[in-house]
Amino acid sequence: MSSKLCPKIILEGTRLTLKTEIAFALNEHHRIVGPRKYRYHSPLISAEWCAFTNFPWGRGLINFEPHEEALAMETYHTWARLFELLRYYSWIVDRFHISTRAYQLQTYGKDYDFRWLEERLEALGFHLVFCTRTPESFEQARAARIKVSGNPAQYDDLQVFIKEQELLRRLVGESILPALDLDISDSDVAGAVDRIADWMTETGGLWAR
């Protein structure tokens, strides 16, 4: 086995589960990407980028409208091909196809079959981390988030996130990718990253196949 670290991790979960904070921490963790003497720009991508519209909090790969379906699917095919071309590097993904399935099911009642995508991701060694928190811990997470959010109104109804979490749990259960259920109710990002590092080590997910 090569000593080169090239983990491929997809973080999924509803809002307030600290996915982005965990993603940044993973991308600088010595057990995930190796020791570093200086910072540099490792790939950290997200399906949540609102890249389909020219205005803030617009649409993208998760919340696309029906007329943008072809654009979204082409984007997923492009990401899959890029991952395959650059297989010997680390990829940290903050929300991806599971979030797309959840949003599209909730909003339009349409379930997209991403089996083709998961088969390609699985062949590359992608691992799935499902970030969760207990229902009662969402309130404290909201209090912390609205201090820095540019759009605090999106956190008014916590039941939306609790309901979405259960849908995501079902969809993660249907995935063929190795999956870790990561409880982040204590909001301990450093501890969460250590648990991910332990799991990735145990499953062999830190190294290329």
Foldseek 3Di string as FASTA:
>chain_A
DDPAFAFEEEEDAFPLLCLVVLLVVLVQDCLQHHHDPDDDDAAEEEQQPQPPDDDPPHHGLQQDDPVCVVVNVVVLVVVLVVCVVPLRHYYYYYYDDLSNQLNCCVPPVDGDDCPVSLVSCVLSLYAYEYRDEDLVLLVVSLVVVVVPDPCSVVPPDSVVRVVSRVSSVVSVVVGPHHYHYQYCSVVPSVVSSVVVSVVCVVVVRRGTD
